[in-house]
PDB file of N, CA and C in Angstrom:
ATOM      1  N   MET A   1      12.042  17.419  34.795  1.00  0.00           N
ATOM      2  CA  MET A   1      11.766  16.314  33.916  1.00  0.00           C
ATOM      3  C   MET A   1      10.320  15.880  34.058  1.00  0.00           C
ATOM      4  N   ALA A   2       9.726  15.613  32.945  1.00  0.00           N
ATOM      5  CA  ALA A   2       8.337  15.160  32.949  1.00  0.00           C
ATOM      6  C   ALA A   2       8.287  13.660  33.200  1.00  0.00           C
ATOM      7  N   SER A   3       7.373  13.251  34.043  1.00  0.00           N
ATOM      8  CA  SER A   3       7.260  11.829  34.344  1.00  0.00           C
ATOM      9  C   SER A   3       5.974  11.265  33.756  1.00  0.00           C
ATOM     10  N   GLY A   4       5.620  11.685  32.551  1.00  0.00           N
ATOM     11  CA  GLY A   4       4.403  11.209  31.894  1.00  0.00           C
ATOM     12  C   GLY A   4       4.602   9.848  31.244  1.00  0.00           C
ATOM     13  N   LYS A   5       3.476   9.209  30.959  1.00  0.00           N
ATOM     14  CA  LYS A   5       3.538   7.912  30.278  1.00  0.00           C
ATOM     15  C   LYS A   5       3.905   8.110  28.823  1.00  0.00           C
ATOM     16  N   ASN A   6       4.702   7.194  28.298  1.00  0.00           N
ATOM     17  CA  ASN A   6       5.013   7.218  26.875  1.00  0.00           C
ATOM     18  C   ASN A   6       3.810   6.689  26.102  1.00  0.00           C
ATOM     19  N   ARG A   7       3.503   7.341  24.997  1.00  0.00           N
ATOM     20  CA  ARG A   7       2.403   6.880  24.162  1.00  0.00           C
ATOM     21  C   ARG A   7       2.853   5.704  23.324  1.00  0.00           C
ATOM     22  N   ARG A   8       1.957   4.779  23.104  1.00  0.00           N
ATOM     23  CA  ARG A   8       2.230   3.653  22.225  1.00  0.00           C
ATOM     24  C   ARG A   8       1.330   3.807  21.009  1.00  0.00           C
ATOM     25  N   THR A   9       1.933   3.714  19.833  1.00  0.00           N
ATOM     26  CA  THR A   9       1.146   3.908  18.617  1.00  0.00           C
ATOM     27  C   THR A   9       0.128   2.807  18.413  1.00  0.00           C
ATOM     28  N   GLU A  10       0.382   1.622  18.965  1.00  0.00           N
ATOM     29  CA  GLU A  10      -0.575   0.525  18.820  1.00  0.00           C
ATOM     30  C   GLU A  10      -1.873   0.838  19.547  1.00  0.00           C
ATOM     31  N   GLU A  11      -1.786   1.646  20.590  1.00  0.00           N
ATOM     32  CA  GLU A  11      -2.950   1.965  21.398  1.00  0.00           C
ATOM     33  C   GLU A  11      -3.769   3.116  20.822  1.00  0.00           C
ATOM     34  N   GLU A  12      -3.287   3.773  19.788  1.00  0.00           N
ATOM     35  CA  GLU A  12      -3.990   4.925  19.239  1.00  0.00           C
ATOM     36  C   GLU A  12      -5.118   4.549  18.294  1.00  0.00           C
ATOM     37  N   ASN A  13      -5.180   3.278  17.877  1.00  0.00           N
ATOM     38  CA  ASN A  13      -6.252   2.788  17.004  1.00  0.00           C
ATOM     39  C   ASN A  13      -6.423   3.645  15.753  1.00  0.00           C
ATOM     40  N   ARG A  14      -5.330   3.916  15.096  1.00  0.00           N
ATOM     41  CA  ARG A  14      -5.397   4.698  13.860  1.00  0.00           C
ATOM     42  C   ARG A  14      -5.898   3.818  12.726  1.00  0.00           C
ATOM     43  N   GLU A  15      -6.783   4.361  11.927  1.00  0.00           N
ATOM     44  CA  GLU A  15      -7.324   3.641  10.785  1.00  0.00           C
ATOM     45  C   GLU A  15      -7.036   4.413   9.514  1.00  0.00           C
ATOM     46  N   PHE A  16      -6.961   3.674   8.427  1.00  0.00           N
ATOM     47  CA  PHE A  16      -6.703   4.279   7.124  1.00  0.00           C
ATOM     48  C   PHE A  16      -7.940   5.060   6.691  1.00  0.00           C
ATOM     49  N   ASN A  17      -7.732   6.279   6.243  1.00  0.00           N
ATOM     50  CA  ASN A  17      -8.815   7.127   5.757  1.00  0.00           C
ATOM     51  C   ASN A  17      -8.876   7.018   4.230  1.00  0.00           C
ATOM     52  N   GLN A  18     -10.016   6.661   3.688  1.00  0.00           N
ATOM     53  CA  GLN A  18     -10.156   6.450   2.241  1.00  0.00           C
ATOM     54  C   GLN A  18      -9.877   7.725   1.436  1.00  0.00           C
ATOM     55  N   ASP A  19     -10.015   8.892   2.031  1.00  0.00           N
ATOM     56  CA  ASP A  19      -9.721  10.144   1.329  1.00  0.00           C
ATOM     57  C   ASP A  19      -8.238  10.259   0.986  1.00  0.00           C
ATOM     58  N   TRP A  20      -7.388   9.557   1.722  1.00  0.00           N
ATOM     59  CA  TRP A  20      -5.945   9.608   1.476  1.00  0.00           C
ATOM     60  C   TRP A  20      -5.577   8.952   0.160  1.00  0.00           C
ATOM     61  N   THR A  21      -6.432   8.078  -0.349  1.00  0.00           N
ATOM     62  CA  THR A  21      -6.129   7.413  -1.618  1.00  0.00           C
ATOM     63  C   THR A  21      -6.034   8.445  -2.729  1.00  0.00           C
ATOM     64  N   GLU A  22      -7.021   9.298  -2.835  1.00  0.00           N
ATOM     65  CA  GLU A  22      -7.002  10.309  -3.893  1.00  0.00           C
ATOM     66  C   GLU A  22      -6.010  11.426  -3.586  1.00  0.00           C
ATOM     67  N   SER A  23      -5.905  11.825  -2.334  1.00  0.00           N
ATOM     68  CA  SER A  23      -5.029  12.941  -1.976  1.00  0.00           C
ATOM     69  C   SER A  23      -3.556  12.613  -2.106  1.00  0.00           C
ATOM     70  N   PHE A  24      -3.159  11.432  -1.632  1.00  0.00           N
ATOM     71  CA  PHE A  24      -1.734  11.098  -1.548  1.00  0.00           C
ATOM     72  C   PHE A  24      -1.346   9.831  -2.290  1.00  0.00           C
ATOM     73  N   ALA A  25      -2.261   9.204  -3.011  1.00  0.00           N
ATOM     74  CA  ALA A  25      -2.006   7.981  -3.790  1.00  0.00           C
ATOM     75  C   ALA A  25      -1.540   6.828  -2.902  1.00  0.00           C
ATOM     76  N   PHE A  26      -2.238   6.616  -1.799  1.00  0.00           N
ATOM     77  CA  PHE A  26      -1.963   5.506  -0.890  1.00  0.00           C
ATOM     78  C   PHE A  26      -3.186   4.605  -0.795  1.00  0.00           C
ATOM     79  N   ILE A  27      -2.939   3.314  -0.594  1.00  0.00           N
ATOM     80  CA  ILE A  27      -4.005   2.368  -0.310  1.00  0.00           C
ATOM     81  C   ILE A  27      -3.656   1.632   0.978  1.00  0.00           C
ATOM     82  N   CYS A  28      -4.626   0.951   1.522  1.00  0.00           N
ATOM     83  CA  CYS A  28      -4.411   0.166   2.732  1.00  0.00           C
ATOM     84  C   CYS A  28      -4.112  -1.269   2.315  1.00  0.00           C
ATOM     85  N   ASN A  29      -2.964  -1.804   2.726  1.00  0.00           N
ATOM     86  CA  ASN A  29      -2.614  -3.177   2.340  1.00  0.00           C
ATOM     87  C   ASN A  29      -3.299  -4.186   3.266  1.00  0.00           C
ATOM     88  N   THR A  30      -3.023  -5.448   3.068  1.00  0.00           N
ATOM     89  CA  THR A  30      -3.693  -6.501   3.843  1.00  0.00           C
ATOM     90  C   THR A  30      -3.331  -6.464   5.320  1.00  0.00           C
ATOM     91  N   ASP A  31      -2.203  -5.859   5.659  1.00  0.00           N
ATOM     92  CA  ASP A  31      -1.794  -5.742   7.065  1.00  0.00           C
ATOM     93  C   ASP A  31      -2.387  -4.509   7.729  1.00  0.00           C
ATOM     94  N   GLY A  32      -3.133  -3.701   6.963  1.00  0.00           N
ATOM     95  CA  GLY A  32      -3.722  -2.487   7.509  1.00  0.00           C
ATOM     96  C   GLY A  32      -2.797  -1.296   7.473  1.00  0.00           C
ATOM     97  N   LEU A  33      -1.676  -1.411   6.753  1.00  0.00           N
ATOM     98  CA  LEU A  33      -0.704  -0.331   6.672  1.00  0.00           C
ATOM     99  C   LEU A  33      -0.830   0.399   5.337  1.00  0.00           C
ATOM    100  N   PRO A  34      -0.529   1.700   5.314  1.00  0.00           N
ATOM    101  CA  PRO A  34      -0.609   2.457   4.068  1.00  0.00           C
ATOM    102  C   PRO A  34       0.524   2.097   3.116  1.00  0.00           C
ATOM    103  N   THR A  35       0.177   1.845   1.844  1.00  0.00           N
ATOM    104  CA  THR A  35       1.146   1.500   0.811  1.00  0.00           C
ATOM    105  C   THR A  35       1.008   2.485  -0.341  1.00  0.00           C
ATOM    106  N   CYS A  36       2.124   3.039  -0.770  1.00  0.00           N
ATOM    107  CA  CYS A  36       2.134   4.018  -1.855  1.00  0.00           C
ATOM    108  C   CYS A  36       1.881   3.310  -3.184  1.00  0.00           C
ATOM    109  N   LEU A  37       0.956   3.851  -3.964  1.00  0.00           N
ATOM    110  CA  LEU A  37       0.648   3.278  -5.275  1.00  0.00           C
ATOM    111  C   LEU A  37       1.730   3.595  -6.298  1.00  0.00           C
ATOM    112  N   ILE A  38       2.513   4.614  -6.047  1.00  0.00           N
ATOM    113  CA  ILE A  38       3.514   5.055  -7.022  1.00  0.00           C
ATOM    114  C   ILE A  38       4.817   4.260  -6.871  1.00  0.00           C
ATOM    115  N   CYS A  39       5.339   4.191  -5.645  1.00  0.00           N
ATOM    116  CA  CYS A  39       6.627   3.517  -5.438  1.00  0.00           C
ATOM    117  C   CYS A  39       6.495   2.216  -4.651  1.00  0.00           C
ATOM    118  N   HIS A  40       5.290   1.867  -4.222  1.00  0.00           N
ATOM    119  CA  HIS A  40       4.991   0.626  -3.493  1.00  0.00           C
ATOM    120  C   HIS A  40       5.680   0.545  -2.130  1.00  0.00           C
ATOM    121  N   GLU A  41       6.057   1.670  -1.573  1.00  0.00           N
ATOM    122  CA  GLU A  41       6.655   1.696  -0.238  1.00  0.00           C
ATOM    123  C   GLU A  41       5.541   1.636   0.801  1.00  0.00           C
ATOM    124  N   THR A  42       5.767   0.866   1.855  1.00  0.00           N
ATOM    125  CA  THR A  42       4.794   0.735   2.933  1.00  0.00           C
ATOM    126  C   THR A  42       5.265   1.552   4.125  1.00  0.00           C
ATOM    127  N   LEU A  43       4.367   2.379   4.651  1.00  0.00           N
ATOM    128  CA  LEU A  43       4.695   3.179   5.822  1.00  0.00           C
ATOM    129  C   LEU A  43       4.273   2.440   7.083  1.00  0.00           C
ATOM    130  N   ALA A  44       4.848   2.837   8.195  1.00  0.00           N
ATOM    131  CA  ALA A  44       4.640   2.106   9.443  1.00  0.00           C
ATOM    132  C   ALA A  44       3.318   2.441  10.130  1.00  0.00           C
ATOM    133  N   TYR A  45       2.783   3.646   9.917  1.00  0.00           N
ATOM    134  CA  TYR A  45       1.594   4.066  10.657  1.00  0.00           C
ATOM    135  C   TYR A  45       0.594   4.758   9.748  1.00  0.00           C
ATOM    136  N   ASN A  46      -0.668   4.664  10.115  1.00  0.00           N
ATOM    137  CA  ASN A  46      -1.740   5.369   9.423  1.00  0.00           C
ATOM    138  C   ASN A  46      -1.850   6.779   9.993  1.00  0.00           C
ATOM    139  N   LYS A  47      -0.985   7.646   9.527  1.00  0.00           N
ATOM    140  CA  LYS A  47      -0.968   9.024   9.984  1.00  0.00           C
ATOM    141  C   LYS A  47      -0.933   9.931   8.771  1.00  0.00           C
ATOM    142  N   LYS A  48      -1.865  10.868   8.717  1.00  0.00           N
ATOM    143  CA  LYS A  48      -1.965  11.748   7.557  1.00  0.00           C
ATOM    144  C   LYS A  48      -0.662  12.507   7.314  1.00  0.00           C
ATOM    145  N   SER A  49      -0.025  12.983   8.369  1.00  0.00           N
ATOM    146  CA  SER A  49       1.205  13.766   8.195  1.00  0.00           C
ATOM    147  C   SER A  49       2.314  12.928   7.568  1.00  0.00           C
ATOM    148  N   ASN A  50       2.401  11.646   7.925  1.00  0.00           N
ATOM    149  CA  ASN A  50       3.427  10.779   7.337  1.00  0.00           C
ATOM    150  C   ASN A  50       3.169  10.556   5.851  1.00  0.00           C
ATOM    151  N   LEU A  51       1.908  10.310   5.490  1.00  0.00           N
ATOM    152  CA  LEU A  51       1.556  10.096   4.092  1.00  0.00           C
ATOM    153  C   LEU A  51       1.795  11.358   3.274  1.00  0.00           C
ATOM    154  N   GLU A  52       1.402  12.491   3.840  1.00  0.00           N
ATOM    155  CA  GLU A  52       1.574  13.763   3.140  1.00  0.00           C
ATOM    156  C   GLU A  52       3.052  14.081   2.939  1.00  0.00           C
ATOM    157  N   ARG A  53       3.880  13.839   3.958  1.00  0.00           N
ATOM    158  CA  ARG A  53       5.316  14.088   3.846  1.00  0.00           C
ATOM    159  C   ARG A  53       5.936  13.199   2.771  1.00  0.00           C
ATOM    160  N   HIS A  54       5.579  11.925   2.765  1.00  0.00           N
ATOM    161  CA  HIS A  54       6.091  10.997   1.759  1.00  0.00           C
ATOM    162  C   HIS A  54       5.716  11.486   0.361  1.00  0.00           C
ATOM    163  N   PHE A  55       4.445  11.840   0.181  1.00  0.00           N
ATOM    164  CA  PHE A  55       3.957  12.254  -1.134  1.00  0.00           C
ATOM    165  C   PHE A  55       4.626  13.543  -1.605  1.00  0.00           C
ATOM    166  N   THR A  56       4.724  14.528  -0.730  1.00  0.00           N
ATOM    167  CA  THR A  56       5.280  15.817  -1.153  1.00  0.00           C
ATOM    168  C   THR A  56       6.789  15.783  -1.353  1.00  0.00           C
ATOM    169  N   THR A  57       7.492  14.907  -0.649  1.00  0.00           N
ATOM    170  CA  THR A  57       8.944  14.868  -0.812  1.00  0.00           C
ATOM    171  C   THR A  57       9.395  13.917  -1.916  1.00  0.00           C
ATOM    172  N   LYS A  58       8.701  12.799  -2.092  1.00  0.00           N
ATOM    173  CA  LYS A  58       9.162  11.795  -3.049  1.00  0.00           C
ATOM    174  C   LYS A  58       8.434  11.818  -4.391  1.00  0.00           C
ATOM    175  N   HIS A  59       7.271  12.414  -4.431  1.00  0.00           N
ATOM    176  CA  HIS A  59       6.474  12.363  -5.668  1.00  0.00           C
ATOM    177  C   HIS A  59       6.013  13.749  -6.110  1.00  0.00           C
ATOM    178  N   THR A  60       6.948  14.685  -6.152  1.00  0.00           N
ATOM    179  CA  THR A  60       6.604  16.049  -6.549  1.00  0.00           C
ATOM    180  C   THR A  60       6.204  16.114  -8.021  1.00  0.00           C
ATOM    181  N   ARG A  61       6.823  15.301  -8.857  1.00  0.00           N
ATOM    182  CA  ARG A  61       6.457  15.296 -10.285  1.00  0.00           C
ATOM    183  C   ARG A  61       5.015  14.851 -10.469  1.00  0.00           C
ATOM    184  N   PHE A  62       4.625  13.813  -9.745  1.00  0.00           N
ATOM    185  CA  PHE A  62       3.247  13.329  -9.835  1.00  0.00           C
ATOM    186  C   PHE A  62       2.282  14.418  -9.377  1.00  0.00           C
ATOM    187  N   ALA A  63       2.605  15.094  -8.291  1.00  0.00           N
ATOM    188  CA  ALA A  63       1.750  16.164  -7.769  1.00  0.00           C
ATOM    189  C   ALA A  63       1.653  17.318  -8.753  1.00  0.00           C
ATOM    190  N   ASP A  64       2.761  17.628  -9.430  1.00  0.00           N
ATOM    191  CA  ASP A  64       2.747  18.709 -10.420  1.00  0.00           C
ATOM    192  C   ASP A  64       1.982  18.302 -11.677  1.00  0.00           C
ATOM    193  N   LYS A  65       2.170  17.075 -12.113  1.00  0.00           N
ATOM    194  CA  LYS A  65       1.527  16.597 -13.338  1.00  0.00           C
ATOM    195  C   LYS A  65       0.027  16.403 -13.157  1.00  0.00           C
ATOM    196  N   TYR A  66      -0.369  15.935 -11.969  1.00  0.00           N
ATOM    197  CA  TYR A  66      -1.780  15.688 -11.675  1.00  0.00           C
ATOM    198  C   TYR A  66      -2.206  16.497 -10.456  1.00  0.00           C
ATOM    199  N   PRO A  67      -2.573  17.763 -10.669  1.00  0.00           N
ATOM    200  CA  PRO A  67      -3.028  18.556  -9.522  1.00  0.00           C
ATOM    201  C   PRO A  67      -4.343  17.977  -8.980  1.00  0.00           C
ATOM    202  N   THR A  68      -4.702  18.386  -7.803  1.00  0.00           N
ATOM    203  CA  THR A  68      -5.905  17.838  -7.182  1.00  0.00           C
ATOM    204  C   THR A  68      -7.115  18.046  -8.093  1.00  0.00           C
ATOM    205  N   GLY A  69      -8.009  17.098  -8.065  1.00  0.00           N
ATOM    206  CA  GLY A  69      -9.209  17.166  -8.887  1.00  0.00           C
ATOM    207  C   GLY A  69      -9.373  15.924  -9.731  1.00  0.00           C
ATOM    208  N   ASP A  70     -10.044  16.079 -10.856  1.00  0.00           N
ATOM    209  CA  ASP A  70     -10.355  14.934 -11.718  1.00  0.00           C
ATOM    210  C   ASP A  70      -9.112  14.284 -12.309  1.00  0.00           C
ATOM    211  N   ALA A  71      -8.111  15.081 -12.679  1.00  0.00           N
ATOM    212  CA  ALA A  71      -6.896  14.523 -13.282  1.00  0.00           C
ATOM    213  C   ALA A  71      -6.203  13.578 -12.298  1.00  0.00           C
ATOM    214  N   ARG A  72      -6.069  14.007 -11.057  1.00  0.00           N
ATOM    215  CA  ARG A  72      -5.417  13.149 -10.060  1.00  0.00           C
ATOM    216  C   ARG A  72      -6.279  11.929  -9.753  1.00  0.00           C
ATOM    217  N   LYS A  73      -7.581  12.130  -9.694  1.00  0.00           N
ATOM    218  CA  LYS A  73      -8.480  11.011  -9.404  1.00  0.00           C
ATOM    219  C   LYS A  73      -8.348   9.917 -10.461  1.00  0.00           C
ATOM    220  N   LYS A  74      -8.300  10.299 -11.732  1.00  0.00           N
ATOM    221  CA  LYS A  74      -8.145   9.329 -12.817  1.00  0.00           C
ATOM    222  C   LYS A  74      -6.783   8.644 -12.759  1.00  0.00           C
ATOM    223  N   ALA A  75      -5.725   9.395 -12.473  1.00  0.00           N
ATOM    224  CA  ALA A  75      -4.384   8.823 -12.389  1.00  0.00           C
ATOM    225  C   ALA A  75      -4.295   7.824 -11.244  1.00  0.00           C
ATOM    226  N   VAL A  76      -4.888   8.139 -10.112  1.00  0.00           N
ATOM    227  CA  VAL A  76      -4.868   7.231  -8.957  1.00  0.00           C
ATOM    228  C   VAL A  76      -5.679   5.978  -9.261  1.00  0.00           C
ATOM    229  N   GLU A  77      -6.793   6.125  -9.955  1.00  0.00           N
ATOM    230  CA  GLU A  77      -7.591   4.954 -10.334  1.00  0.00           C
ATOM    231  C   GLU A  77      -6.794   4.024 -11.239  1.00  0.00           C
ATOM    232  N   GLU A  78      -6.036   4.592 -12.176  1.00  0.00           N
ATOM    233  CA  GLU A  78      -5.182   3.782 -13.052  1.00  0.00           C
ATOM    234  C   GLU A  78      -4.110   3.051 -12.240  1.00  0.00           C
ATOM    235  N   LEU A  79      -3.514   3.737 -11.286  1.00  0.00           N
ATOM    236  CA  LEU A  79      -2.509   3.106 -10.430  1.00  0.00           C
ATOM    237  C   LEU A  79      -3.131   1.971  -9.615  1.00  0.00           C
ATOM    238  N   GLN A  80      -4.359   2.167  -9.148  1.00  0.00           N
ATOM    239  CA  GLN A  80      -5.039   1.119  -8.392  1.00  0.00           C
ATOM    240  C   GLN A  80      -5.313  -0.099  -9.270  1.00  0.00           C
ATOM    241  N   LYS A  81      -5.715   0.130 -10.513  1.00  0.00           N
ATOM    242  CA  LYS A  81      -5.956  -0.983 -11.436  1.00  0.00           C
ATOM    243  C   LYS A  81      -4.671  -1.778 -11.667  1.00  0.00           C
ATOM    244  N   LYS A  82      -3.558  -1.064 -11.869  1.00  0.00           N
ATOM    245  CA  LYS A  82      -2.273  -1.738 -12.058  1.00  0.00           C
ATOM    246  C   LYS A  82      -1.898  -2.545 -10.823  1.00  0.00           C
ATOM    247  N   GLN A  83      -2.129  -1.974  -9.644  1.00  0.00           N
ATOM    248  CA  GLN A  83      -1.825  -2.665  -8.392  1.00  0.00           C
ATOM    249  C   GLN A  83      -2.647  -3.948  -8.275  1.00  0.00           C
ATOM    250  N   GLN A  84      -3.927  -3.881  -8.606  1.00  0.00           N
ATOM    251  CA  GLN A  84      -4.793  -5.058  -8.535  1.00  0.00           C
ATOM    252  C   GLN A  84      -4.354  -6.125  -9.528  1.00  0.00           C
ATOM    253  N   GLN A  85      -3.968  -5.716 -10.735  1.00  0.00           N
ATOM    254  CA  GLN A  85      -3.494  -6.668 -11.739  1.00  0.00           C
ATOM    255  C   GLN A  85      -2.216  -7.355 -11.261  1.00  0.00           C
ATOM    256  N   GLN A  86      -1.307  -6.599 -10.647  1.00  0.00           N
ATOM    257  CA  GLN A  86      -0.076  -7.184 -10.129  1.00  0.00           C
ATOM    258  C   GLN A  86      -0.372  -8.177  -9.021  1.00  0.00           C
ATOM    259  N   GLN A  87      -1.312  -7.851  -8.157  1.00  0.00           N
ATOM    260  CA  GLN A  87      -1.672  -8.756  -7.070  1.00  0.00           C
ATOM    261  C   GLN A  87      -2.281 -10.035  -7.612  1.00  0.00           C
ATOM    262  N   GLN A  88      -3.133  -9.912  -8.631  1.00  0.00           N
ATOM    263  CA  GLN A  88      -3.757 -11.091  -9.225  1.00  0.00           C
ATOM    264  C   GLN A  88      -2.715 -11.982  -9.884  1.00  0.00           C
ATOM    265  N   SER A  89      -1.807 -11.372 -10.640  1.00  0.00           N
ATOM    266  CA  SER A  89      -0.799 -12.185 -11.325  1.00  0.00           C
ATOM    267  C   SER A  89       0.156 -12.835 -10.325  1.00  0.00           C
ATOM    268  N   SER A  90       0.490 -12.138  -9.250  1.00  0.00           N
ATOM    269  CA  SER A  90       1.383 -12.744  -8.259  1.00  0.00           C
ATOM    270  C   SER A  90       0.675 -13.864  -7.505  1.00  0.00           C
ATOM    271  N   SER A  91      -0.626 -13.728  -7.260  1.00  0.00           N
ATOM    272  CA  SER A  91      -1.342 -14.816  -6.587  1.00  0.00           C
ATOM    273  C   SER A  91      -1.485 -16.012  -7.523  1.00  0.00           C
ATOM    274  N   MET A  92      -1.660 -15.780  -8.813  1.00  0.00           N
ATOM    275  CA  MET A  92      -1.719 -16.877  -9.771  1.00  0.00           C
ATOM    276  C   MET A  92      -0.371 -17.595  -9.825  1.00  0.00           C
ATOM    277  N   LEU A  93       0.700 -16.833  -9.807  1.00  0.00           N
ATOM    278  CA  LEU A  93       2.039 -17.418  -9.823  1.00  0.00           C
ATOM    279  C   LEU A  93       2.274 -18.240  -8.558  1.00  0.00           C
ATOM    280  N   ARG A  94       1.860 -17.698  -7.410  1.00  0.00           N
ATOM    281  CA  ARG A  94       2.002 -18.435  -6.151  1.00  0.00           C
ATOM    282  C   ARG A  94       1.231 -19.742  -6.195  1.00  0.00           C
ATOM    283  N   ASN A  95       0.016 -19.705  -6.742  1.00  0.00           N
ATOM    284  CA  ASN A  95      -0.796 -20.923  -6.855  1.00  0.00           C
ATOM    285  C   ASN A  95      -0.131 -21.936  -7.779  1.00  0.00           C
ATOM    286  N   TRP A  96       0.435 -21.463  -8.886  1.00  0.00           N
ATOM    287  CA  TRP A  96       1.096 -22.354  -9.826  1.00  0.00           C
ATOM    288  C   TRP A  96       2.314 -23.008  -9.184  1.00  0.00           C
ATOM    289  N   VAL A  97       3.117 -22.207  -8.473  1.00  0.00           N
ATOM    290  CA  VAL A  97       4.299 -22.739  -7.803  1.00  0.00           C
ATOM    291  C   VAL A  97       3.878 -23.756  -6.756  1.00  0.00           C
ATOM    292  N   GLN A  98       2.843 -23.444  -6.002  1.00  0.00           N
ATOM    293  CA  GLN A  98       2.370 -24.365  -4.971  1.00  0.00           C
ATOM    294  C   GLN A  98       1.892 -25.676  -5.591  1.00  0.00           C
ATOM    295  N   SER A  99       1.164 -25.591  -6.704  1.00  0.00           N
ATOM    296  CA  SER A  99       0.662 -26.817  -7.334  1.00  0.00           C
ATOM    297  C   SER A  99       1.816 -27.645  -7.908  1.00  0.00           C
ATOM    298  N   SER A 100       2.825 -26.985  -8.476  1.00  0.00           N
ATOM    299  CA  SER A 100       3.970 -27.739  -8.995  1.00  0.00           C
ATOM    300  C   SER A 100       4.763 -28.368  -7.850  1.00  0.00           C
ATOM    301  N   ASN A 101       4.836 -27.696  -6.707  1.00  0.00           N
ATOM    302  CA  ASN A 101       5.499 -28.282  -5.539  1.00  0.00           C
ATOM    303  C   ASN A 101       4.726 -29.502  -5.062  1.00  0.00           C
ATOM    304  N   ASN A 102       3.409 -29.443  -5.091  1.00  0.00           N
ATOM    305  CA  ASN A 102       2.584 -30.570  -4.675  1.00  0.00           C
ATOM    306  C   ASN A 102       2.810 -31.778  -5.588  1.00  0.00           C
ATOM    307  N   VAL A 103       2.936 -31.527  -6.901  1.00  0.00           N
ATOM    308  CA  VAL A 103       3.181 -32.604  -7.854  1.00  0.00           C
ATOM    309  C   VAL A 103       4.537 -33.246  -7.568  1.00  0.00           C
ATOM    310  N   ASN A 104       5.546 -32.424  -7.310  1.00  0.00           N
ATOM    311  CA  ASN A 104       6.875 -32.955  -6.990  1.00  0.00           C
ATOM    312  C   ASN A 104       6.864 -33.757  -5.706  1.00  0.00           C
ATOM    313  N   LEU A 105       6.124 -33.310  -4.714  1.00  0.00           N
ATOM    314  CA  LEU A 105       6.024 -34.067  -3.452  1.00  0.00           C
ATOM    315  C   LEU A 105       5.346 -35.407  -3.683  1.00  0.00           C
ATOM    316  N   GLU A 106       4.321 -35.425  -4.523  1.00  0.00           N
ATOM    317  CA  GLU A 106       3.638 -36.669  -4.816  1.00  0.00           C
ATOM    318  C   GLU A 106       4.556 -37.637  -5.551  1.00  0.00           C
ATOM    319  N   ARG A 107       5.390 -37.120  -6.422  1.00  0.00           N
ATOM    320  CA  ARG A 107       6.334 -37.979  -7.153  1.00  0.00           C
ATOM    321  C   ARG A 107       7.318 -38.629  -6.187  1.00  0.00           C
ATOM    322  N   PHE A 108       7.764 -37.857  -5.195  1.00  0.00           N
ATOM    323  CA  PHE A 108       8.714 -38.403  -4.249  1.00  0.00           C
ATOM    324  C   PHE A 108       8.079 -39.444  -3.335  1.00  0.00           C
ATOM    325  N   THR A 109       6.819 -39.275  -3.021  1.00  0.00           N
ATOM    326  CA  THR A 109       6.179 -40.252  -2.135  1.00  0.00           C
ATOM    327  C   THR A 109       5.917 -41.568  -2.839  1.00  0.00           C
ATOM    328  N   VAL A 110       5.748 -41.526  -4.158  1.00  0.00           N
ATOM    329  CA  VAL A 110       5.506 -42.760  -4.910  1.00  0.00           C
ATOM    330  C   VAL A 110       6.806 -43.463  -5.042  1.00  0.00           C
TER     331      VAL A 110
END
């Protein structure tokens, strides 16, 4: 039996590689974790093999429709734009809900 130390993934200091965005359609979310632009699933670690496995097993149609190169680059850019628009609209909604909650709290205090 081997008596080696167990590795901890937190200690590996893995960082998101920007090349993975075009290759596998992933972006880095606010928590520093990779998020798929196609299905919005978040993976636990910044590991190329995990991103590649997710992309090749779950998004084969996307890979076939947009082979590597300019076609995939344009498709990923469109997905990124949609993601940004969704984030903006959800933050606007959060702000609106928060402001309406503030108005209701003020009504109760009066």
